[in-house]
Amino acid sequence: MKINKYTLAALFIVVLSSLGVLLVIQFQILEKDIKNNQNMMGFAIPGILSDLYDNMMFNRELDRLVRIYQGTESFQFSSDSNPTDPLQFVLKNGLDEVISLNYPDLKYQVDGFVSDEYGCMIHRGHRPELPKAQKVMDADNHMCFCMILPNTLDISMTYTNKEETVLGESANILKASFLLIAIILIAFWFTIRTIGKQKKLSDLKRDFINNLTHEFKTPIFSISLASKSLRGLEEVKKAPKADSYLNLISNETKRLQTQVDKILQMALLDSGNLTLDKKVIDLHESIQNVAEGFQMIISEKEGSIKFNLNATKHQIVADETHLNNVLFNLIDNAQKYSDKNPEIEIITEDAENNGVILTIKDHGIGMDQTTQKYVFDQFYRAQSGNLHTVKGFGLGLSYVKKIIEFHKGTISLNSEPGKGSMFKIFLPISS
């Protein structure tokens, strides 16, 4: 897939949309949880005060402290305080004991009013005109001890960590969700940034290769033209070594031209602008024509090419030039990577799914499993120690694979060190 600004924008929208949906779902779950906890805490405080009342019913120390109290006073303490007043101390211990059973994390504040001058302010229908007493009496969670104590003792209770208590366990889940979303966004930004840098480097590399190869083509053409002109000179014809030198120049120029063409072809494939000139061709005829060009080289190495062209459906729709290049690369590799006399076998057979299978097999040096994993990668070269045993750019098999895929075909490799390699290609009859 080509990575451009539109692809990145679409990817960014998809990620943000996914995170947005995740947040909406999370908040819906959280909202429901908050309502449940609010309802639960609405019953929790009255229940705590009721349990405290039951526990204090037979508490002689509380009875004694209230009985001996003189005057009228309001007081206040919280879950985090350590009251020194004996009455407040007894009440706080009683509350902590009740709360620790069911709500160990609950933080609270208690406002109280104690008096030996007034009777029960609720049941006797009168209240002192004191603001602090009014605060206790008007609270939602208010309780008096008039039924079990001789003097007035009224308290009200509120919980101070309301958000944590209402959110309950969802608070930690929510924090973890925001943390994960932040990590995802940072990772996504880093990925986009890295992709952008890689794309920029890839574009620079492609432009450099294109410019470099085009700059090479002019001097290659000039050298080739000059060598042909030299052959026609009488002085050169009379020189005993001139002909061998000109042959060397011509051969090396052709080899350099071939390598430059390969680089240009790969650059064209990478750009995605390759257009295949497809037509009906005879695969067997193409194999024979390409293989004929290697007969002399292989004969010099005392090797051979065997043909088992058994396919009955060998008329295929393909780009003849690029298909011939594929055949050339595979046969060339077979003869180059044979450490002994090259023995090459070319096989064709009909495929079940309306296609033809082409197999090119050699008995050369073969490849290990590691090399086979990367052999179709661009610029990858199999190595022997620190030296490449055969010269080249590592473009041939990468080009072969891409051309086969452009024809809707597949290529596979089966190789073993010391036993040779076998390339198997499937090509559809009509691609």
Protein backbone atom coordinates (compact mmCIF):
# COMPACT_ATOMS: atom_id res chain seq x y z
CA MET A 1 0.00 0.00 0.00
CA LYS A 2 1.33 3.43 -0.92
CA ILE A 3 1.69 5.72 2.07
CA ASN A 4 0.68 9.31 1.32
CA LYS A 5 -0.88 12.19 3.21
CA TYR A 6 -4.40 10.96 2.46
CA THR A 7 -3.62 7.50 3.82
CA LEU A 8 -2.15 9.03 6.97
CA ALA A 9 -5.17 11.32 7.36
CA ALA A 10 -7.56 8.38 6.96
CA LEU A 11 -5.55 6.37 9.48
CA PHE A 12 -5.62 9.29 11.93
CA ILE A 13 -9.42 9.62 11.57
CA VAL A 14 -9.92 5.87 12.10
CA VAL A 15 -7.79 5.87 15.25
CA LEU A 16 -9.50 8.95 16.69
CA SER A 17 -12.94 7.55 15.86
CA SER A 18 -12.07 4.26 17.56
CA LEU A 19 -10.83 6.08 20.64
CA GLY A 20 -13.96 8.26 20.62
CA VAL A 21 -16.23 5.20 20.53
CA LEU A 22 -14.17 3.64 23.31
CA LEU A 23 -14.57 6.75 25.45
CA VAL A 24 -18.33 6.94 24.85
CA ILE A 25 -18.75 3.30 25.89
CA GLN A 26 -16.52 3.87 28.91
CA PHE A 27 -18.50 6.92 30.02
CA GLN A 28 -21.81 5.10 29.60
CA ILE A 29 -20.58 2.29 31.82
CA LEU A 30 -19.17 4.84 34.27
CA GLU A 31 -22.40 6.84 34.39
CA LYS A 32 -24.37 3.70 35.22
CA ASP A 33 -21.84 2.74 37.87
CA ILE A 34 -21.98 6.22 39.42
CA LYS A 35 -25.78 6.07 39.69
CA ASN A 36 -25.59 2.67 41.33
CA ASN A 37 -22.97 3.89 43.81
CA GLN A 38 -24.94 7.05 44.54
CA ASN A 39 -27.97 4.96 45.37
CA MET A 40 -25.85 2.68 47.48
CA MET A 41 -24.23 5.56 49.39
CA GLY A 42 -27.66 7.15 49.87
CA PHE A 43 -28.52 4.17 52.07
CA ALA A 44 -25.04 3.71 53.50
CA ILE A 45 -24.87 6.75 55.85
CA PRO A 46 -28.27 6.16 57.53
CA GLY A 47 -27.28 2.52 57.92
CA ILE A 48 -23.96 3.49 59.52
CA LEU A 49 -25.72 5.84 61.98
CA SER A 50 -28.30 3.15 62.76
CA ASP A 51 -25.52 0.63 63.51
CA LEU A 52 -23.77 3.23 65.67
CA TYR A 53 -26.98 3.81 67.59
CA ASP A 54 -27.33 0.08 68.25
CA ASN A 55 -23.73 -0.20 69.40
CA MET A 56 -24.00 2.83 71.69
CA MET A 57 -27.24 1.63 73.28
CA PHE A 58 -25.40 -0.25 76.03
CA ASN A 59 -22.21 1.79 76.06
CA ARG A 60 -21.83 2.85 79.67
CA GLU A 61 -18.94 5.17 78.98
CA LEU A 62 -20.98 7.24 76.51
CA ASP A 63 -23.89 7.30 78.98
CA ARG A 64 -21.59 8.50 81.76
CA LEU A 65 -19.95 11.21 79.65
CA VAL A 66 -23.28 12.64 78.48
CA ARG A 67 -24.77 12.40 81.98
CA ILE A 68 -21.99 14.44 83.63
CA TYR A 69 -21.83 17.01 80.85
CA GLN A 70 -22.84 20.52 81.85
CA GLY A 71 -23.76 23.34 79.53
CA THR A 72 -24.42 23.47 75.81
CA GLU A 73 -21.74 22.96 73.15
CA SER A 74 -21.30 22.01 69.50
CA PHE A 75 -18.36 19.95 68.25
CA GLN A 76 -16.86 18.58 65.09
CA PHE A 77 -14.40 15.81 64.19
CA SER A 78 -13.44 13.84 61.06
CA SER A 79 -12.08 10.43 60.12
CA ASP A 80 -8.56 11.89 59.91
CA SER A 81 -8.61 13.67 63.27
CA ASN A 82 -7.63 12.42 66.73
CA PRO A 83 -10.04 14.07 69.17
CA THR A 84 -8.86 14.53 72.76
CA ASP A 85 -12.32 15.16 74.13
CA PRO A 86 -13.52 11.89 75.78
CA LEU A 87 -17.05 12.14 74.33
CA GLN A 88 -15.83 12.73 70.81
CA PHE A 89 -13.23 9.99 71.24
CA VAL A 90 -15.90 7.42 72.16
CA LEU A 91 -18.12 8.47 69.23
CA LYS A 92 -15.25 8.32 66.72
CA ASN A 93 -14.14 4.87 67.86
CA GLY A 94 -17.71 3.65 67.55
CA LEU A 95 -18.03 5.07 64.02
CA ASP A 96 -14.68 3.68 62.90
CA GLU A 97 -15.66 0.24 64.12
CA VAL A 98 -18.92 0.30 62.12
CA ILE A 99 -17.36 1.81 58.97
CA SER A 100 -14.41 -0.60 58.91
CA LEU A 101 -16.77 -3.55 58.39
CA ASN A 102 -18.26 -2.40 55.04
CA TYR A 103 -16.70 0.92 53.95
CA PRO A 104 -13.03 0.93 54.99
CA ASP A 105 -12.11 3.74 52.55
CA LEU A 106 -14.94 6.10 53.58
CA LYS A 107 -13.82 9.53 54.76
CA TYR A 108 -16.36 11.38 56.92
CA GLN A 109 -17.04 14.44 59.02
CA VAL A 110 -19.30 14.54 62.09
CA ASP A 111 -21.01 17.66 63.44
CA GLY A 112 -22.50 17.28 66.90
CA PHE A 113 -24.46 19.10 69.59
CA VAL A 114 -24.52 18.14 73.29
CA SER A 115 -26.47 19.86 76.10
CA ASP A 116 -27.90 19.31 79.55
CA GLU A 117 -30.09 22.46 79.22
CA TYR A 118 -32.40 21.30 76.44
CA GLY A 119 -34.45 18.19 75.99
CA CYS A 120 -34.74 16.28 72.72
CA MET A 121 -34.93 18.91 70.03
CA ILE A 122 -36.89 16.72 67.65
CA HIS A 123 -39.37 14.97 69.84
CA ARG A 124 -40.09 17.99 72.10
CA GLY A 125 -40.48 20.32 69.15
CA HIS A 126 -38.11 23.12 70.13
CA ARG A 127 -34.57 24.03 69.07
CA PRO A 128 -32.03 26.48 70.50
CA GLU A 129 -31.33 29.54 68.43
CA LEU A 130 -27.75 28.49 67.80
CA PRO A 131 -26.31 28.34 64.25
CA LYS A 132 -24.19 25.25 64.99
CA ALA A 133 -27.14 23.39 66.45
CA GLN A 134 -29.21 24.45 63.45
CA LYS A 135 -26.57 22.94 61.12
CA VAL A 136 -26.81 19.59 62.90
CA MET A 137 -30.61 19.58 62.99
CA ASP A 138 -31.02 20.49 59.29
CA ALA A 139 -28.57 17.88 57.97
CA ASP A 140 -29.89 15.02 55.81
CA ASN A 141 -28.19 12.36 57.88
CA HIS A 142 -29.11 13.38 61.43
CA MET A 143 -29.59 11.23 64.48
CA CYS A 144 -30.42 11.92 68.14
CA PHE A 145 -29.67 9.69 71.13
CA CYS A 146 -32.55 10.92 73.29
CA MET A 147 -34.05 7.45 73.71
CA ILE A 148 -30.93 5.95 75.29
CA LEU A 149 -29.21 8.95 76.95
CA PRO A 150 -30.36 11.24 79.77
CA ASN A 151 -29.27 14.49 78.07
CA THR A 152 -29.31 15.84 74.54
CA LEU A 153 -26.78 14.40 72.04
CA ASP A 154 -27.41 14.98 68.34
CA ILE A 155 -25.00 14.27 65.51
CA SER A 156 -24.98 14.55 61.71
CA MET A 157 -22.62 12.79 59.36
CA THR A 158 -21.35 13.56 55.84
CA TYR A 159 -18.75 11.75 53.73
CA THR A 160 -15.92 13.99 52.52
CA ASN A 161 -14.40 11.78 49.77
CA LYS A 162 -17.66 11.89 47.84
CA GLU A 163 -16.13 11.61 44.34
CA GLU A 164 -13.98 8.61 45.22
CA THR A 165 -16.82 6.93 47.08
CA VAL A 166 -19.38 7.50 44.34
CA LEU A 167 -16.99 6.45 41.56
CA GLY A 168 -15.96 3.37 43.51
CA GLU A 169 -13.75 0.99 41.52
CA SER A 170 -14.62 2.87 38.32
CA ALA A 171 -12.28 5.67 39.36
CA ASN A 172 -9.26 3.42 38.90
CA ILE A 173 -10.70 2.01 35.64
CA LEU A 174 -11.27 5.54 34.35
CA LYS A 175 -7.74 6.60 35.23
CA ALA A 176 -6.33 3.50 33.56
CA SER A 177 -8.45 4.17 30.45
CA PHE A 178 -7.19 7.73 30.11
CA LEU A 179 -3.63 6.54 30.65
CA LEU A 180 -3.96 3.86 27.96
CA ILE A 181 -5.56 6.34 25.54
CA ALA A 182 -2.70 8.77 26.16
CA ILE A 183 -0.17 5.99 25.52
CA ILE A 184 -1.99 4.97 22.31
CA LEU A 185 -2.04 8.56 21.05
CA ILE A 186 1.66 9.03 21.82
CA ALA A 187 2.50 5.72 20.12
CA PHE A 188 0.32 6.64 17.14
CA TRP A 189 1.99 10.05 16.83
CA PHE A 190 5.43 8.42 17.02
CA THR A 191 4.41 5.85 14.38
CA ILE A 192 3.08 8.52 12.01
CA ARG A 193 6.23 10.56 12.54
CA THR A 194 8.42 7.52 11.80
CA ILE A 195 6.37 6.60 8.71
CA GLY A 196 6.70 10.17 7.47
CA LYS A 197 10.48 10.08 7.90
CA GLN A 198 10.74 6.66 6.22
CA LYS A 199 8.61 7.84 3.31
CA LYS A 200 10.76 10.92 2.89
CA LEU A 201 13.94 8.82 2.91
CA SER A 202 12.38 6.35 0.45
CA ASP A 203 11.43 9.19 -1.90
CA LEU A 204 14.94 10.65 -1.68
CA LYS A 205 16.47 7.23 -2.36
CA ARG A 206 14.21 6.64 -5.37
CA ASP A 207 14.93 10.09 -6.81
CA PHE A 208 18.65 9.60 -6.28
CA ILE A 209 18.62 6.20 -8.03
CA ASN A 210 16.58 7.56 -10.92
CA ASN A 211 18.90 10.54 -11.39
CA LEU A 212 22.02 8.41 -11.00
CA THR A 213 20.97 5.76 -13.51
CA HIS A 214 19.85 8.34 -16.05
CA GLU A 215 23.23 10.05 -15.69
CA PHE A 216 24.89 6.68 -16.38
CA LYS A 217 22.94 6.01 -19.55
CA THR A 218 24.53 8.89 -21.51
CA PRO A 219 28.19 7.88 -20.94
CA ILE A 220 27.30 4.18 -21.51
CA PHE A 221 25.78 5.08 -24.87
CA SER A 222 28.81 7.22 -25.71
CA ILE A 223 31.27 4.43 -24.82
CA SER A 224 29.28 1.91 -26.87
CA LEU A 225 29.15 4.26 -29.86
CA ALA A 226 32.86 5.03 -29.56
CA SER A 227 33.85 1.35 -29.44
CA LYS A 228 31.77 0.64 -32.56
CA SER A 229 33.44 3.56 -34.36
CA LEU A 230 36.90 2.35 -33.38
CA ARG A 231 36.24 -1.06 -34.91
CA GLY A 232 35.89 0.57 -38.32
CA LEU A 233 39.31 2.30 -38.24
CA GLU A 234 42.12 0.73 -40.31
CA GLU A 235 44.69 1.50 -37.62
CA VAL A 236 42.65 -0.49 -35.07
CA LYS A 237 42.18 -3.41 -37.42
CA LYS A 238 45.95 -3.66 -37.87
CA ALA A 239 46.68 -3.58 -34.10
CA PRO A 240 46.95 -7.18 -32.79
CA LYS A 241 45.38 -6.57 -29.33
CA ALA A 242 42.92 -3.84 -30.27
CA ASP A 243 40.14 -6.26 -31.17
CA SER A 244 40.31 -8.08 -27.79
CA TYR A 245 40.31 -4.73 -25.97
CA LEU A 246 37.29 -3.54 -27.93
CA ASN A 247 35.47 -6.80 -27.19
CA LEU A 248 36.18 -6.29 -23.50
CA ILE A 249 34.87 -2.72 -23.65
CA SER A 250 31.77 -3.82 -25.54
CA ASN A 251 30.99 -6.70 -23.18
CA GLU A 252 31.48 -4.63 -20.03
CA THR A 253 29.39 -1.82 -21.52
CA LYS A 254 26.56 -4.25 -22.19
CA ARG A 255 26.85 -5.63 -18.64
CA LEU A 256 26.74 -2.15 -17.18
CA GLN A 257 23.77 -1.27 -19.41
CA THR A 258 21.95 -4.38 -18.13
CA GLN A 259 22.53 -3.41 -14.49
CA VAL A 260 21.36 0.17 -15.09
CA ASP A 261 18.23 -1.14 -16.83
CA LYS A 262 17.52 -3.38 -13.83
CA ILE A 263 17.75 -0.43 -11.45
CA LEU A 264 15.45 1.64 -13.63
CA GLN A 265 12.95 -1.21 -13.84
CA MET A 266 12.92 -1.58 -10.04
CA ALA A 267 12.47 2.17 -9.63
CA LEU A 268 9.52 2.01 -12.02
CA LEU A 269 8.01 -0.89 -10.06
CA ASP A 270 8.45 0.93 -6.74
CA SER A 271 6.76 4.03 -8.10
CA GLY A 272 3.65 1.97 -8.96
CA ASN A 273 3.56 3.47 -12.46
CA LEU A 274 4.46 0.31 -14.36
CA THR A 275 2.08 -0.46 -17.23
CA LEU A 276 2.24 -3.96 -18.66
CA ASP A 277 1.91 -4.44 -22.41
CA LYS A 278 -0.01 -7.70 -22.26
CA LYS A 279 -0.68 -9.91 -25.25
CA VAL A 280 -1.02 -13.60 -26.01
CA ILE A 281 2.42 -15.24 -26.08
CA ASP A 282 3.72 -18.78 -26.25
CA LEU A 283 5.46 -19.56 -22.95
CA HIS A 284 7.38 -22.50 -24.42
CA GLU A 285 8.68 -20.34 -27.25
CA SER A 286 9.81 -17.64 -24.81
CA ILE A 287 11.62 -20.25 -22.70
CA GLN A 288 13.44 -21.64 -25.75
CA ASN A 289 14.43 -18.17 -26.98
CA VAL A 290 15.81 -17.02 -23.61
CA ALA A 291 17.57 -20.32 -22.89
CA GLU A 292 19.26 -20.24 -26.30
CA GLY A 293 21.18 -17.15 -25.20
CA PHE A 294 22.79 -19.16 -22.36
CA GLN A 295 23.75 -22.22 -24.41
CA MET A 296 27.25 -20.95 -25.19
CA ILE A 297 28.02 -19.90 -21.60
CA ILE A 298 26.74 -23.18 -20.16
CA SER A 299 28.54 -25.23 -22.83
CA GLU A 300 31.80 -23.52 -21.90
CA LYS A 301 31.21 -24.67 -18.31
CA GLU A 302 30.42 -28.19 -19.62
CA GLY A 303 26.85 -27.97 -18.37
CA SER A 304 23.44 -28.44 -19.93
CA ILE A 305 19.85 -27.22 -19.98
CA LYS A 306 17.14 -29.90 -20.04
CA PHE A 307 13.59 -29.11 -21.12
CA ASN A 308 10.47 -30.93 -19.96
CA LEU A 309 7.82 -28.67 -21.45
CA ASN A 310 4.73 -30.73 -20.71
CA ALA A 311 2.08 -28.01 -20.39
CA THR A 312 -0.70 -28.27 -22.94
CA LYS A 313 -2.03 -24.77 -22.22
CA HIS A 314 1.12 -22.73 -22.79
CA GLN A 315 -0.50 -19.78 -24.56
CA ILE A 316 -0.75 -17.11 -21.86
CA VAL A 317 -1.58 -13.42 -21.66
CA ALA A 318 1.51 -11.58 -20.41
CA ASP A 319 4.01 -8.81 -21.03
CA GLU A 320 6.59 -10.50 -23.26
CA THR A 321 9.50 -8.20 -22.38
CA HIS A 322 9.09 -8.49 -18.62
CA LEU A 323 8.37 -12.23 -18.77
CA ASN A 324 11.56 -12.76 -20.78
CA ASN A 325 13.43 -10.74 -18.13
CA VAL A 326 12.01 -13.06 -15.45
CA LEU A 327 13.20 -16.13 -17.37
CA PHE A 328 16.59 -14.52 -18.00
CA ASN A 329 17.11 -13.71 -14.30
CA LEU A 330 16.18 -17.19 -13.09
CA ILE A 331 18.29 -19.05 -15.70
CA ASP A 332 21.18 -16.63 -15.15
CA ASN A 333 21.07 -17.24 -11.39
CA ALA A 334 20.94 -21.01 -11.96
CA GLN A 335 24.15 -20.98 -14.00
CA LYS A 336 25.95 -18.36 -11.88
CA TYR A 337 25.31 -20.13 -8.58
CA SER A 338 26.47 -23.56 -9.77
CA ASP A 339 29.92 -24.29 -8.36
CA LYS A 340 30.32 -27.28 -10.72
CA ASN A 341 29.02 -27.95 -14.21
CA PRO A 342 25.64 -26.19 -14.32
CA GLU A 343 22.80 -28.69 -14.76
CA ILE A 344 19.55 -26.76 -15.27
CA GLU A 345 16.11 -28.23 -15.77
CA ILE A 346 13.11 -26.25 -17.00
CA ILE A 347 9.69 -27.86 -16.55
CA THR A 348 6.17 -26.73 -17.45
CA GLU A 349 2.92 -28.44 -16.51
CA ASP A 350 -0.77 -27.62 -16.47
CA ALA A 351 -2.18 -26.21 -13.24
CA GLU A 352 -5.58 -27.22 -11.90
CA ASN A 353 -6.91 -23.66 -11.63
CA ASN A 354 -6.63 -22.61 -15.30
CA GLY A 355 -2.96 -21.78 -15.34
CA VAL A 356 0.51 -23.11 -16.01
CA ILE A 357 3.29 -24.02 -13.58
CA LEU A 358 6.85 -23.18 -14.60
CA THR A 359 9.70 -24.79 -12.63
CA ILE A 360 13.37 -23.88 -12.99
CA LYS A 361 15.66 -26.25 -11.11
CA ASP A 362 19.41 -26.32 -10.68
CA HIS A 363 21.95 -28.44 -8.79
CA GLY A 364 24.08 -25.56 -7.59
CA ILE A 365 25.18 -24.33 -4.17
CA GLY A 366 21.62 -23.90 -2.83
CA MET A 367 20.48 -21.65 0.02
CA ASP A 368 19.93 -22.06 3.75
CA GLN A 369 16.62 -21.21 5.45
CA THR A 370 17.78 -17.73 6.53
CA THR A 371 18.74 -16.76 2.99
CA GLN A 372 15.44 -18.07 1.63
CA LYS A 373 13.49 -15.75 3.95
CA TYR A 374 15.09 -12.64 2.47
CA VAL A 375 16.14 -13.66 -1.04
CA PHE A 376 13.16 -11.83 -2.65
CA ASP A 377 13.89 -8.60 -0.73
CA GLN A 378 15.27 -5.66 -2.65
CA PHE A 379 19.08 -5.30 -2.46
CA TYR A 380 19.48 -8.50 -0.43
CA ARG A 381 22.57 -10.52 -1.31
CA ALA A 382 23.42 -14.00 -0.08
CA GLN A 383 26.89 -13.94 1.43
CA SER A 384 29.74 -16.33 2.01
CA GLY A 385 31.59 -15.01 5.04
CA ASN A 386 32.13 -11.32 4.36
CA LEU A 387 32.31 -11.69 0.57
CA HIS A 388 29.63 -11.87 -2.10
CA THR A 389 30.52 -14.87 -4.23
CA VAL A 390 28.64 -13.48 -7.25
CA LYS A 391 28.60 -9.82 -8.22
CA GLY A 392 25.34 -7.92 -8.52
CA PHE A 393 22.96 -5.49 -6.83
CA GLY A 394 20.51 -7.94 -5.28
CA LEU A 395 17.69 -6.76 -7.56
CA GLY A 396 17.07 -9.77 -9.79
CA LEU A 397 14.79 -11.93 -7.62
CA SER A 398 13.00 -8.90 -6.17
CA TYR A 399 12.19 -7.85 -9.74
CA VAL A 400 11.10 -11.40 -10.63
CA LYS A 401 8.68 -11.60 -7.69
CA LYS A 402 7.10 -8.22 -8.42
CA ILE A 403 6.62 -8.97 -12.12
CA ILE A 404 5.02 -12.34 -11.33
CA GLU A 405 2.68 -10.63 -8.85
CA PHE A 406 1.82 -7.98 -11.48
CA HIS A 407 0.69 -10.91 -13.64
CA LYS A 408 -1.51 -12.21 -10.75
CA GLY A 409 0.83 -15.16 -10.31
CA THR A 410 2.87 -16.61 -7.45
CA ILE A 411 6.45 -17.75 -6.97
CA SER A 412 7.89 -20.13 -4.38
CA LEU A 413 11.37 -21.37 -3.56
CA ASN A 414 12.61 -24.72 -2.32
CA SER A 415 16.34 -24.92 -1.71
CA GLU A 416 18.91 -26.87 0.24
CA PRO A 417 22.60 -26.01 0.71
CA GLY A 418 24.78 -28.16 -1.52
CA LYS A 419 21.82 -29.64 -3.43
CA GLY A 420 20.52 -26.72 -5.47
CA SER A 421 17.42 -24.56 -5.74
CA MET A 422 14.02 -24.92 -7.35
CA PHE A 423 11.84 -21.93 -8.27
CA LYS A 424 8.21 -22.75 -8.96
CA ILE A 425 6.02 -20.13 -10.67
CA PHE A 426 2.28 -20.20 -11.24
CA LEU A 427 0.97 -18.02 -14.07
CA PRO A 428 -2.72 -17.75 -14.96
CA ILE A 429 -3.66 -18.34 -18.59
CA SER A 430 -5.34 -14.93 -18.65
CA SER A 431 -4.16 -12.32 -16.14
